[in-house]
Full PDB file with SEQRES, HELIX, SHEET, SSBOND, CRYST1, ORIGX, SCALE, CONECT and MASTER records, all heavy atoms in Angstrom:
SEQRES   1 A   38  SER VAL ALA ASP MET ARG ARG ASN LYS THR PHE SER ASP          
SEQRES   2 A   38  THR GLN VAL SER LEU LEU PHE ASN LYS SER GLU ILE LYS          
SEQRES   3 A   38  ALA GLY GLU GLU ILE GLU VAL GLN PHE ASP LEU ARG              
SHEET    1 AA1 3 ASN A   8  PHE A  11  0                                        
SHEET    2 AA1 3 THR A  14  PHE A  20 -1                                        
SHEET    3 AA1 3 VAL A  33  LEU A  37 -1                                        
CRYST1    1.000    1.000    1.000  90.00  90.00  90.00 P 1           1          
ORIGX1      1.000000  0.000000  0.000000        0.00000                         
ORIGX2      0.000000  1.000000  0.000000        0.00000                         
ORIGX3      0.000000  0.000000  1.000000        0.00000                         
SCALE1      1.000000  0.000000  0.000000        0.00000                         
SCALE2      0.000000  1.000000  0.000000        0.00000                         
SCALE3      0.000000  0.000000  1.000000        0.00000                         
ATOM      1  N   SER A   1    -115.416  80.816  60.972  1.00  0.00           N  
ATOM      2  CA  SER A   1    -115.172  82.075  61.691  1.00  0.00           C  
ATOM      3  C   SER A   1    -116.532  82.728  61.958  1.00  0.00           C  
ATOM      4  O   SER A   1    -117.480  82.474  61.336  1.00  0.00           O  
ATOM      5  CB  SER A   1    -114.208  82.963  60.877  1.00  0.00           C  
ATOM      6  OG  SER A   1    -114.898  83.317  59.633  1.00  0.00           O  
ATOM      7  N   VAL A   2    -116.525  83.713  62.826  1.00  0.00           N  
ATOM      8  CA  VAL A   2    -117.628  84.503  63.195  1.00  0.00           C  
ATOM      9  C   VAL A   2    -117.256  85.981  62.951  1.00  0.00           C  
ATOM     10  O   VAL A   2    -116.097  86.429  63.140  1.00  0.00           O  
ATOM     11  CB  VAL A   2    -117.943  84.298  64.737  1.00  0.00           C  
ATOM     12  CG1 VAL A   2    -119.128  85.140  65.123  1.00  0.00           C  
ATOM     13  CG2 VAL A   2    -118.229  82.781  65.023  1.00  0.00           C  
ATOM     14  N   ALA A   3    -118.220  86.728  62.487  1.00  0.00           N  
ATOM     15  CA  ALA A   3    -118.094  88.190  62.176  1.00  0.00           C  
ATOM     16  C   ALA A   3    -117.755  88.964  63.497  1.00  0.00           C  
ATOM     17  O   ALA A   3    -118.475  88.786  64.467  1.00  0.00           O  
ATOM     18  CB  ALA A   3    -119.247  88.758  61.499  1.00  0.00           C  
ATOM     19  N   ASP A   4    -116.631  89.497  63.591  1.00  0.00           N  
ATOM     20  CA  ASP A   4    -116.195  90.281  64.754  1.00  0.00           C  
ATOM     21  C   ASP A   4    -116.690  91.699  64.570  1.00  0.00           C  
ATOM     22  O   ASP A   4    -116.136  92.504  63.791  1.00  0.00           O  
ATOM     23  CB  ASP A   4    -114.608  90.338  64.846  1.00  0.00           C  
ATOM     24  CG  ASP A   4    -114.066  91.115  65.999  1.00  0.00           C  
ATOM     25  OD1 ASP A   4    -114.805  91.811  66.689  1.00  0.00           O  
ATOM     26  OD2 ASP A   4    -112.884  91.002  66.248  1.00  0.00           O  
ATOM     27  N   MET A   5    -117.682  92.139  65.405  1.00  0.00           N  
ATOM     28  CA  MET A   5    -118.376  93.424  65.225  1.00  0.00           C  
ATOM     29  C   MET A   5    -117.732  94.611  65.961  1.00  0.00           C  
ATOM     30  O   MET A   5    -118.271  95.627  66.053  1.00  0.00           O  
ATOM     31  CB  MET A   5    -119.830  93.318  65.587  1.00  0.00           C  
ATOM     32  CG  MET A   5    -120.592  92.237  64.766  1.00  0.00           C  
ATOM     33  SD  MET A   5    -120.583  92.458  62.966  1.00  0.00           S  
ATOM     34  CE  MET A   5    -121.598  93.887  62.696  1.00  0.00           C  
ATOM     35  N   ARG A   6    -116.647  94.255  66.713  1.00  0.00           N  
ATOM     36  CA  ARG A   6    -115.914  95.396  67.435  1.00  0.00           C  
ATOM     37  C   ARG A   6    -115.533  96.550  66.535  1.00  0.00           C  
ATOM     38  O   ARG A   6    -115.137  96.345  65.414  1.00  0.00           O  
ATOM     39  CB  ARG A   6    -114.705  94.823  68.176  1.00  0.00           C  
ATOM     40  CG  ARG A   6    -115.024  93.833  69.294  1.00  0.00           C  
ATOM     41  CD  ARG A   6    -113.682  93.379  69.917  1.00  0.00           C  
ATOM     42  NE  ARG A   6    -112.912  92.647  68.882  1.00  0.00           N  
ATOM     43  CZ  ARG A   6    -111.578  92.553  68.914  1.00  0.00           C  
ATOM     44  NH1 ARG A   6    -110.803  93.207  69.795  1.00  0.00           N  
ATOM     45  NH2 ARG A   6    -110.994  91.898  67.864  1.00  0.00           N  
ATOM     46  N   ARG A   7    -115.589  97.716  67.095  1.00  0.00           N  
ATOM     47  CA  ARG A   7    -115.207  98.991  66.317  1.00  0.00           C  
ATOM     48  C   ARG A   7    -113.743  99.491  66.699  1.00  0.00           C  
ATOM     49  O   ARG A   7    -113.322 100.397  66.232  1.00  0.00           O  
ATOM     50  CB  ARG A   7    -116.185 100.042  66.600  1.00  0.00           C  
ATOM     51  CG  ARG A   7    -117.595  99.779  66.086  1.00  0.00           C  
ATOM     52  CD  ARG A   7    -117.695 100.007  64.586  1.00  0.00           C  
ATOM     53  NE  ARG A   7    -119.046  99.653  64.043  1.00  0.00           N  
ATOM     54  CZ  ARG A   7    -120.013 100.550  63.891  1.00  0.00           C  
ATOM     55  NH1 ARG A   7    -119.871 101.895  64.166  1.00  0.00           N  
ATOM     56  NH2 ARG A   7    -121.154 100.153  63.354  1.00  0.00           N  
ATOM     57  N   ASN A   8    -113.133  98.668  67.661  1.00  0.00           N  
ATOM     58  CA  ASN A   8    -111.835  99.032  68.095  1.00  0.00           C  
ATOM     59  C   ASN A   8    -110.979  97.754  68.036  1.00  0.00           C  
ATOM     60  O   ASN A   8    -111.320  96.823  68.707  1.00  0.00           O  
ATOM     61  CB  ASN A   8    -111.823  99.614  69.507  1.00  0.00           C  
ATOM     62  CG  ASN A   8    -112.557 100.904  69.557  1.00  0.00           C  
ATOM     63  OD1 ASN A   8    -112.279 101.872  68.995  1.00  0.00           O  
ATOM     64  ND2 ASN A   8    -113.706 100.811  70.314  1.00  0.00           N  
ATOM     65  N   LYS A   9    -109.898  97.788  67.326  1.00  0.00           N  
ATOM     66  CA  LYS A   9    -109.067  96.630  67.183  1.00  0.00           C  
ATOM     67  C   LYS A   9    -107.597  97.042  67.128  1.00  0.00           C  
ATOM     68  O   LYS A   9    -107.264  98.134  66.711  1.00  0.00           O  
ATOM     69  CB  LYS A   9    -109.337  95.814  65.945  1.00  0.00           C  
ATOM     70  CG  LYS A   9    -110.715  95.247  65.802  1.00  0.00           C  
ATOM     71  CD  LYS A   9    -110.907  94.557  64.543  1.00  0.00           C  
ATOM     72  CE  LYS A   9    -112.257  93.947  64.341  1.00  0.00           C  
ATOM     73  NZ  LYS A   9    -112.477  93.271  63.050  1.00  0.00           N  
ATOM     74  N   THR A  10    -106.673  96.110  67.284  1.00  0.00           N  
ATOM     75  CA  THR A  10    -105.225  96.400  67.203  1.00  0.00           C  
ATOM     76  C   THR A  10    -104.689  95.514  66.064  1.00  0.00           C  
ATOM     77  O   THR A  10    -104.895  94.291  66.090  1.00  0.00           O  
ATOM     78  CB  THR A  10    -104.481  96.231  68.505  1.00  0.00           C  
ATOM     79  OG1 THR A  10    -105.095  96.996  69.489  1.00  0.00           O  
ATOM     80  CG2 THR A  10    -103.057  96.443  68.368  1.00  0.00           C  
ATOM     81  N   PHE A  11    -103.914  96.109  65.157  1.00  0.00           N  
ATOM     82  CA  PHE A  11    -103.277  95.416  64.148  1.00  0.00           C  
ATOM     83  C   PHE A  11    -101.741  95.754  64.190  1.00  0.00           C  
ATOM     84  O   PHE A  11    -101.353  96.910  64.060  1.00  0.00           O  
ATOM     85  CB  PHE A  11    -103.874  95.968  62.753  1.00  0.00           C  
ATOM     86  CG  PHE A  11    -105.351  95.825  62.558  1.00  0.00           C  
ATOM     87  CD1 PHE A  11    -106.142  96.786  62.950  1.00  0.00           C  
ATOM     88  CD2 PHE A  11    -105.864  94.626  62.172  1.00  0.00           C  
ATOM     89  CE1 PHE A  11    -107.545  96.663  62.899  1.00  0.00           C  
ATOM     90  CE2 PHE A  11    -107.280  94.483  62.045  1.00  0.00           C  
ATOM     91  CZ  PHE A  11    -108.137  95.533  62.444  1.00  0.00           C  
ATOM     92  N   SER A  12    -100.987  94.767  64.564  1.00  0.00           N  
ATOM     93  CA  SER A  12     -99.620  94.897  64.756  1.00  0.00           C  
ATOM     94  C   SER A  12     -99.399  95.899  65.858  1.00  0.00           C  
ATOM     95  O   SER A  12     -99.926  95.713  67.005  1.00  0.00           O  
ATOM     96  CB  SER A  12     -98.880  95.250  63.520  1.00  0.00           C  
ATOM     97  OG  SER A  12     -97.480  95.211  63.667  1.00  0.00           O  
ATOM     98  N   ASP A  13     -98.748  97.059  65.596  1.00  0.00           N  
ATOM     99  CA  ASP A  13     -98.526  98.066  66.617  1.00  0.00           C  
ATOM    100  C   ASP A  13     -99.450  99.301  66.476  1.00  0.00           C  
ATOM    101  O   ASP A  13     -99.167 100.294  66.932  1.00  0.00           O  
ATOM    102  CB  ASP A  13     -97.069  98.492  66.715  1.00  0.00           C  
ATOM    103  CG  ASP A  13     -96.585  99.111  65.385  1.00  0.00           C  
ATOM    104  OD1 ASP A  13     -97.326  99.005  64.379  1.00  0.00           O  
ATOM    105  OD2 ASP A  13     -95.455  99.687  65.352  1.00  0.00           O  
ATOM    106  N   THR A  14    -100.576  99.055  65.663  1.00  0.00           N  
ATOM    107  CA  THR A  14    -101.510 100.203  65.469  1.00  0.00           C  
ATOM    108  C   THR A  14    -102.888  99.875  66.043  1.00  0.00           C  
ATOM    109  O   THR A  14    -103.541  98.869  65.654  1.00  0.00           O  
ATOM    110  CB  THR A  14    -101.627 100.502  63.930  1.00  0.00           C  
ATOM    111  OG1 THR A  14    -100.287 100.709  63.411  1.00  0.00           O  
ATOM    112  CG2 THR A  14    -102.454 101.679  63.664  1.00  0.00           C  
ATOM    113  N   GLN A  15    -103.432 100.756  66.845  1.00  0.00           N  
ATOM    114  CA  GLN A  15    -104.687 100.539  67.396  1.00  0.00           C  
ATOM    115  C   GLN A  15    -105.589 101.374  66.463  1.00  0.00           C  
ATOM    116  O   GLN A  15    -105.346 102.494  66.098  1.00  0.00           O  
ATOM    117  CB  GLN A  15    -104.884 101.040  68.832  1.00  0.00           C  
ATOM    118  CG  GLN A  15    -106.313 101.046  69.346  1.00  0.00           C  
ATOM    119  CD  GLN A  15    -106.444 101.607  70.714  1.00  0.00           C  
ATOM    120  OE1 GLN A  15    -105.482 101.949  71.349  1.00  0.00           O  
ATOM    121  NE2 GLN A  15    -107.716 101.692  71.199  1.00  0.00           N  
ATOM    122  N   VAL A  16    -106.643 100.769  65.912  1.00  0.00           N  
ATOM    123  CA  VAL A  16    -107.591 101.338  65.000  1.00  0.00           C  
ATOM    124  C   VAL A  16    -108.975 101.407  65.501  1.00  0.00           C  
ATOM    125  O   VAL A  16    -109.531 100.387  65.885  1.00  0.00           O  
ATOM    126  CB  VAL A  16    -107.621 100.717  63.595  1.00  0.00           C  
ATOM    127  CG1 VAL A  16    -108.403 101.397  62.610  1.00  0.00           C  
ATOM    128  CG2 VAL A  16    -106.105 100.517  63.100  1.00  0.00           C  
ATOM    129  N   SER A  17    -109.602 102.547  65.436  1.00  0.00           N  
ATOM    130  CA  SER A  17    -111.050 102.702  65.788  1.00  0.00           C  
ATOM    131  C   SER A  17    -111.732 103.158  64.584  1.00  0.00           C  
ATOM    132  O   SER A  17    -111.377 103.977  63.829  1.00  0.00           O  
ATOM    133  CB  SER A  17    -111.217 103.780  66.818  1.00  0.00           C  
ATOM    134  OG  SER A  17    -110.567 103.362  68.115  1.00  0.00           O  
ATOM    135  N   LEU A  18    -112.952 102.543  64.247  1.00  0.00           N  
ATOM    136  CA  LEU A  18    -113.805 102.785  63.163  1.00  0.00           C  
ATOM    137  C   LEU A  18    -114.895 103.717  63.669  1.00  0.00           C  
ATOM    138  O   LEU A  18    -115.610 103.374  64.581  1.00  0.00           O  
ATOM    139  CB  LEU A  18    -114.361 101.492  62.552  1.00  0.00           C  
ATOM    140  CG  LEU A  18    -115.301 101.714  61.423  1.00  0.00           C  
ATOM    141  CD1 LEU A  18    -114.580 102.232  60.152  1.00  0.00           C  
ATOM    142  CD2 LEU A  18    -115.906 100.338  61.029  1.00  0.00           C  
ATOM    143  N   LEU A  19    -114.994 104.894  62.951  1.00  0.00           N  
ATOM    144  CA  LEU A  19    -115.994 105.920  63.431  1.00  0.00           C  
ATOM    145  C   LEU A  19    -116.792 106.256  62.179  1.00  0.00           C  
ATOM    146  O   LEU A  19    -116.365 106.260  61.076  1.00  0.00           O  
ATOM    147  CB  LEU A  19    -115.308 107.132  63.953  1.00  0.00           C  
ATOM    148  CG  LEU A  19    -114.210 106.870  65.002  1.00  0.00           C  
ATOM    149  CD1 LEU A  19    -113.352 108.075  65.194  1.00  0.00           C  
ATOM    150  CD2 LEU A  19    -114.889 106.489  66.321  1.00  0.00           C  
ATOM    151  N   PHE A  20    -118.053 106.717  62.469  1.00  0.00           N  
ATOM    152  CA  PHE A  20    -118.869 107.246  61.401  1.00  0.00           C  
ATOM    153  C   PHE A  20    -119.509 108.514  61.867  1.00  0.00           C  
ATOM    154  O   PHE A  20    -119.608 108.818  63.012  1.00  0.00           O  
ATOM    155  CB  PHE A  20    -120.093 106.273  61.121  1.00  0.00           C  
ATOM    156  CG  PHE A  20    -119.680 104.903  60.627  1.00  0.00           C  
ATOM    157  CD1 PHE A  20    -119.466 103.866  61.553  1.00  0.00           C  
ATOM    158  CD2 PHE A  20    -119.500 104.675  59.333  1.00  0.00           C  
ATOM    159  CE1 PHE A  20    -119.017 102.610  61.001  1.00  0.00           C  
ATOM    160  CE2 PHE A  20    -119.044 103.477  58.904  1.00  0.00           C  
ATOM    161  CZ  PHE A  20    -118.825 102.449  59.680  1.00  0.00           C  
ATOM    162  N   ASN A  21    -119.882 109.432  60.902  1.00  0.00           N  
ATOM    163  CA  ASN A  21    -120.414 110.710  61.284  1.00  0.00           C  
ATOM    164  C   ASN A  21    -121.917 110.716  61.574  1.00  0.00           C  
ATOM    165  O   ASN A  21    -122.463 111.714  61.732  1.00  0.00           O  
ATOM    166  CB  ASN A  21    -120.114 111.770  60.079  1.00  0.00           C  
ATOM    167  CG  ASN A  21    -120.788 111.464  58.810  1.00  0.00           C  
ATOM    168  OD1 ASN A  21    -121.108 110.341  58.508  1.00  0.00           O  
ATOM    169  ND2 ASN A  21    -121.079 112.570  58.088  1.00  0.00           N  
ATOM    170  N   LYS A  22    -122.459 109.539  61.471  1.00  0.00           N  
ATOM    171  CA  LYS A  22    -123.897 109.374  61.747  1.00  0.00           C  
ATOM    172  C   LYS A  22    -124.070 108.192  62.782  1.00  0.00           C  
ATOM    173  O   LYS A  22    -123.282 107.233  62.735  1.00  0.00           O  
ATOM    174  CB  LYS A  22    -124.697 109.111  60.502  1.00  0.00           C  
ATOM    175  CG  LYS A  22    -124.658 110.243  59.563  1.00  0.00           C  
ATOM    176  CD  LYS A  22    -125.445 109.857  58.279  1.00  0.00           C  
ATOM    177  CE  LYS A  22    -125.371 111.008  57.280  1.00  0.00           C  
ATOM    178  NZ  LYS A  22    -126.096 110.679  55.975  1.00  0.00           N  
ATOM    179  N   SER A  23    -125.113 108.228  63.603  1.00  0.00           N  
ATOM    180  CA  SER A  23    -125.231 107.181  64.518  1.00  0.00           C  
ATOM    181  C   SER A  23    -125.746 105.912  63.902  1.00  0.00           C  
ATOM    182  O   SER A  23    -125.558 104.868  64.357  1.00  0.00           O  
ATOM    183  CB  SER A  23    -126.216 107.606  65.679  1.00  0.00           C  
ATOM    184  OG  SER A  23    -127.468 107.926  65.140  1.00  0.00           O  
ATOM    185  N   GLU A  24    -126.453 105.986  62.791  1.00  0.00           N  
ATOM    186  CA  GLU A  24    -126.994 104.799  62.070  1.00  0.00           C  
ATOM    187  C   GLU A  24    -126.379 104.849  60.663  1.00  0.00           C  
ATOM    188  O   GLU A  24    -126.479 105.909  60.013  1.00  0.00           O  
ATOM    189  CB  GLU A  24    -128.511 104.786  61.999  1.00  0.00           C  
ATOM    190  CG  GLU A  24    -129.159 104.558  63.344  1.00  0.00           C  
ATOM    191  CD  GLU A  24    -130.657 104.461  63.295  1.00  0.00           C  
ATOM    192  OE1 GLU A  24    -131.224 104.874  62.278  1.00  0.00           O  
ATOM    193  OE2 GLU A  24    -131.311 103.868  64.269  1.00  0.00           O  
ATOM    194  N   ILE A  25    -126.105 103.743  60.134  1.00  0.00           N  
ATOM    195  CA  ILE A  25    -125.639 103.625  58.745  1.00  0.00           C  
ATOM    196  C   ILE A  25    -126.839 103.137  57.873  1.00  0.00           C  
ATOM    197  O   ILE A  25    -127.340 102.051  58.107  1.00  0.00           O  
ATOM    198  CB  ILE A  25    -124.501 102.660  58.588  1.00  0.00           C  
ATOM    199  CG1 ILE A  25    -123.385 102.973  59.616  1.00  0.00           C  
ATOM    200  CG2 ILE A  25    -123.987 102.545  57.183  1.00  0.00           C  
ATOM    201  CD1 ILE A  25    -122.287 101.907  59.672  1.00  0.00           C  
ATOM    202  N   LYS A  26    -127.316 104.027  56.956  1.00  0.00           N  
ATOM    203  CA  LYS A  26    -128.454 103.718  56.215  1.00  0.00           C  
ATOM    204  C   LYS A  26    -128.123 103.625  54.728  1.00  0.00           C  
ATOM    205  O   LYS A  26    -127.351 104.325  54.165  1.00  0.00           O  
ATOM    206  CB  LYS A  26    -129.528 104.757  56.356  1.00  0.00           C  
ATOM    207  CG  LYS A  26    -130.087 104.759  57.777  1.00  0.00           C  
ATOM    208  CD  LYS A  26    -131.226 105.838  57.870  1.00  0.00           C  
ATOM    209  CE  LYS A  26    -131.731 105.813  59.334  1.00  0.00           C  
ATOM    210  NZ  LYS A  26    -132.874 106.698  59.478  1.00  0.00           N  
ATOM    211  N   ALA A  27    -128.579 102.559  54.112  1.00  0.00           N  
ATOM    212  CA  ALA A  27    -128.436 102.297  52.659  1.00  0.00           C  
ATOM    213  C   ALA A  27    -128.917 103.538  51.891  1.00  0.00           C  
ATOM    214  O   ALA A  27    -129.935 104.191  52.205  1.00  0.00           O  
ATOM    215  CB  ALA A  27    -129.246 101.091  52.260  1.00  0.00           C  
ATOM    216  N   GLY A  28    -128.161 103.887  50.828  1.00  0.00           N  
ATOM    217  CA  GLY A  28    -128.523 104.951  50.005  1.00  0.00           C  
ATOM    218  C   GLY A  28    -128.082 106.360  50.430  1.00  0.00           C  
ATOM    219  O   GLY A  28    -128.299 107.328  49.706  1.00  0.00           O  
ATOM    220  N   GLU A  29    -127.622 106.445  51.688  1.00  0.00           N  
ATOM    221  CA  GLU A  29    -127.226 107.780  52.192  1.00  0.00           C  
ATOM    222  C   GLU A  29    -125.697 107.951  52.259  1.00  0.00           C  
ATOM    223  O   GLU A  29    -125.020 106.984  52.702  1.00  0.00           O  
ATOM    224  CB  GLU A  29    -127.760 107.964  53.606  1.00  0.00           C  
ATOM    225  CG  GLU A  29    -129.312 108.077  53.658  1.00  0.00           C  
ATOM    226  CD  GLU A  29    -129.842 108.327  55.089  1.00  0.00           C  
ATOM    227  OE1 GLU A  29    -129.019 108.521  55.988  1.00  0.00           O  
ATOM    228  OE2 GLU A  29    -131.050 108.384  55.177  1.00  0.00           O  
ATOM    229  N   GLU A  30    -125.191 109.022  51.857  1.00  0.00           N  
ATOM    230  CA  GLU A  30    -123.768 109.335  51.934  1.00  0.00           C  
ATOM    231  C   GLU A  30    -123.362 109.338  53.436  1.00  0.00           C  
ATOM    232  O   GLU A  30    -124.104 109.893  54.310  1.00  0.00           O  
ATOM    233  CB  GLU A  30    -123.509 110.681  51.276  1.00  0.00           C  
ATOM    234  CG  GLU A  30    -121.961 110.973  51.202  1.00  0.00           C  
ATOM    235  CD  GLU A  30    -121.636 112.264  50.429  1.00  0.00           C  
ATOM    236  OE1 GLU A  30    -121.537 112.126  49.149  1.00  0.00           O  
ATOM    237  OE2 GLU A  30    -121.580 113.309  51.083  1.00  0.00           O  
ATOM    238  N   ILE A  31    -122.195 108.763  53.678  1.00  0.00           N  
ATOM    239  CA  ILE A  31    -121.679 108.660  55.071  1.00  0.00           C  
ATOM    240  C   ILE A  31    -120.154 108.822  55.017  1.00  0.00           C  
ATOM    241  O   ILE A  31    -119.537 108.458  54.066  1.00  0.00           O  
ATOM    242  CB  ILE A  31    -122.073 107.385  55.721  1.00  0.00           C  
ATOM    243  CG1 ILE A  31    -121.815 107.365  57.277  1.00  0.00           C  
ATOM    244  CG2 ILE A  31    -121.458 106.151  55.054  1.00  0.00           C  
ATOM    245  CD1 ILE A  31    -122.563 106.382  58.020  1.00  0.00           C  
ATOM    246  N   GLU A  32    -119.631 109.439  56.089  1.00  0.00           N  
ATOM    247  CA  GLU A  32    -118.212 109.540  56.255  1.00  0.00           C  
ATOM    248  C   GLU A  32    -117.787 108.399  57.114  1.00  0.00           C  
ATOM    249  O   GLU A  32    -118.316 108.170  58.177  1.00  0.00           O  
ATOM    250  CB  GLU A  32    -117.823 110.935  56.881  1.00  0.00           C  
ATOM    251  CG  GLU A  32    -116.382 111.017  57.079  1.00  0.00           C  
ATOM    252  CD  GLU A  32    -115.903 112.275  57.821  1.00  0.00           C  
ATOM    253  OE1 GLU A  32    -116.773 113.037  58.269  1.00  0.00           O  
ATOM    254  OE2 GLU A  32    -114.717 112.446  57.998  1.00  0.00           O  
ATOM    255  N   VAL A  33    -116.782 107.638  56.632  1.00  0.00           N  
ATOM    256  CA  VAL A  33    -116.124 106.536  57.343  1.00  0.00           C  
ATOM    257  C   VAL A  33    -114.775 107.061  57.758  1.00  0.00           C  
ATOM    258  O   VAL A  33    -113.988 107.513  56.969  1.00  0.00           O  
ATOM    259  CB  VAL A  33    -116.003 105.359  56.409  1.00  0.00           C  
ATOM    260  CG1 VAL A  33    -115.393 104.154  57.209  1.00  0.00           C  
ATOM    261  CG2 VAL A  33    -117.367 105.021  55.813  1.00  0.00           C  
ATOM    262  N   GLN A  34    -114.533 107.023  59.041  1.00  0.00           N  
ATOM    263  CA  GLN A  34    -113.178 107.519  59.565  1.00  0.00           C  
ATOM    264  C   GLN A  34    -112.471 106.431  60.331  1.00  0.00           C  
ATOM    265  O   GLN A  34    -113.020 105.686  61.222  1.00  0.00           O  
ATOM    266  CB  GLN A  34    -113.434 108.698  60.434  1.00  0.00           C  
ATOM    267  CG  GLN A  34    -112.067 109.385  60.750  1.00  0.00           C  
ATOM    268  CD  GLN A  34    -112.288 110.625  61.514  1.00  0.00           C  
ATOM    269  OE1 GLN A  34    -112.605 110.591  62.778  1.00  0.00           O  
ATOM    270  NE2 GLN A  34    -112.150 111.788  60.893  1.00  0.00           N  
ATOM    271  N   PHE A  35    -111.137 106.325  60.030  1.00  0.00           N  
ATOM    272  CA  PHE A  35    -110.330 105.390  60.862  1.00  0.00           C  
ATOM    273  C   PHE A  35    -109.425 106.207  61.730  1.00  0.00           C  
ATOM    274  O   PHE A  35    -108.727 107.129  61.250  1.00  0.00           O  
ATOM    275  CB  PHE A  35    -109.451 104.568  59.876  1.00  0.00           C  
ATOM    276  CG  PHE A  35    -110.248 103.626  59.118  1.00  0.00           C  
ATOM    277  CD1 PHE A  35    -110.885 103.972  57.908  1.00  0.00           C  
ATOM    278  CD2 PHE A  35    -110.327 102.292  59.467  1.00  0.00           C  
ATOM    279  CE1 PHE A  35    -111.617 103.030  57.209  1.00  0.00           C  
ATOM    280  CE2 PHE A  35    -111.075 101.361  58.766  1.00  0.00           C  
ATOM    281  CZ  PHE A  35    -111.721 101.711  57.531  1.00  0.00           C  
ATOM    282  N   ASP A  36    -109.548 106.017  63.002  1.00  0.00           N  
ATOM    283  CA  ASP A  36    -108.652 106.750  64.006  1.00  0.00           C  
ATOM    284  C   ASP A  36    -107.476 105.790  64.307  1.00  0.00           C  
ATOM    285  O   ASP A  36    -107.731 104.772  64.857  1.00  0.00           O  
ATOM    286  CB  ASP A  36    -109.422 107.026  65.305  1.00  0.00           C  
ATOM    287  CG  ASP A  36    -108.651 107.813  66.303  1.00  0.00           C  
ATOM    288  OD1 ASP A  36    -107.522 108.152  66.069  1.00  0.00           O  
ATOM    289  OD2 ASP A  36    -109.220 108.034  67.419  1.00  0.00           O  
ATOM    290  N   LEU A  37    -106.255 106.179  63.873  1.00  0.00           N  
ATOM    291  CA  LEU A  37    -105.124 105.338  64.009  1.00  0.00           C  
ATOM    292  C   LEU A  37    -104.190 105.814  65.139  1.00  0.00           C  
ATOM    293  O   LEU A  37    -103.801 106.999  65.147  1.00  0.00           O  
ATOM    294  CB  LEU A  37    -104.308 105.372  62.680  1.00  0.00           C  
ATOM    295  CG  LEU A  37    -105.148 104.902  61.562  1.00  0.00           C  
ATOM    296  CD1 LEU A  37    -104.927 105.743  60.266  1.00  0.00           C  
ATOM    297  CD2 LEU A  37    -104.886 103.474  61.208  1.00  0.00           C  
ATOM    298  N   ARG A  38    -103.903 104.976  66.127  1.00  0.00           N  
ATOM    299  CA  ARG A  38    -103.126 105.335  67.266  1.00  0.00           C  
ATOM    300  C   ARG A  38    -102.069 104.326  67.502  1.00  0.00           C  
ATOM    301  O   ARG A  38    -102.159 103.141  67.139  1.00  0.00           O  
ATOM    302  CB  ARG A  38    -103.939 105.499  68.508  1.00  0.00           C  
ATOM    303  CG  ARG A  38    -104.952 106.578  68.395  1.00  0.00           C  
ATOM    304  CD  ARG A  38    -105.777 106.779  69.660  1.00  0.00           C  
ATOM    305  NE  ARG A  38    -106.674 107.928  69.386  1.00  0.00           N  
ATOM    306  CZ  ARG A  38    -106.338 109.255  69.728  1.00  0.00           C  
ATOM    307  NH1 ARG A  38    -105.130 109.397  70.271  1.00  0.00           N  
ATOM    308  NH2 ARG A  38    -107.176 110.185  69.532  1.00  0.00           N  
TER     309      ARG A  38                                                      
MASTER        0    0    0    0    3    0    0    6  308    1    0    3          
END                                                                             
């Protein structure tokens, strides 16, 4: 398999978008991870 880097996917009947409160994810820094479920 290959890592699927998309941030928007559909699981069954739920579309999920992965969002972050920062444009870059940096090690050692607190970050908010948000799942938008539609």
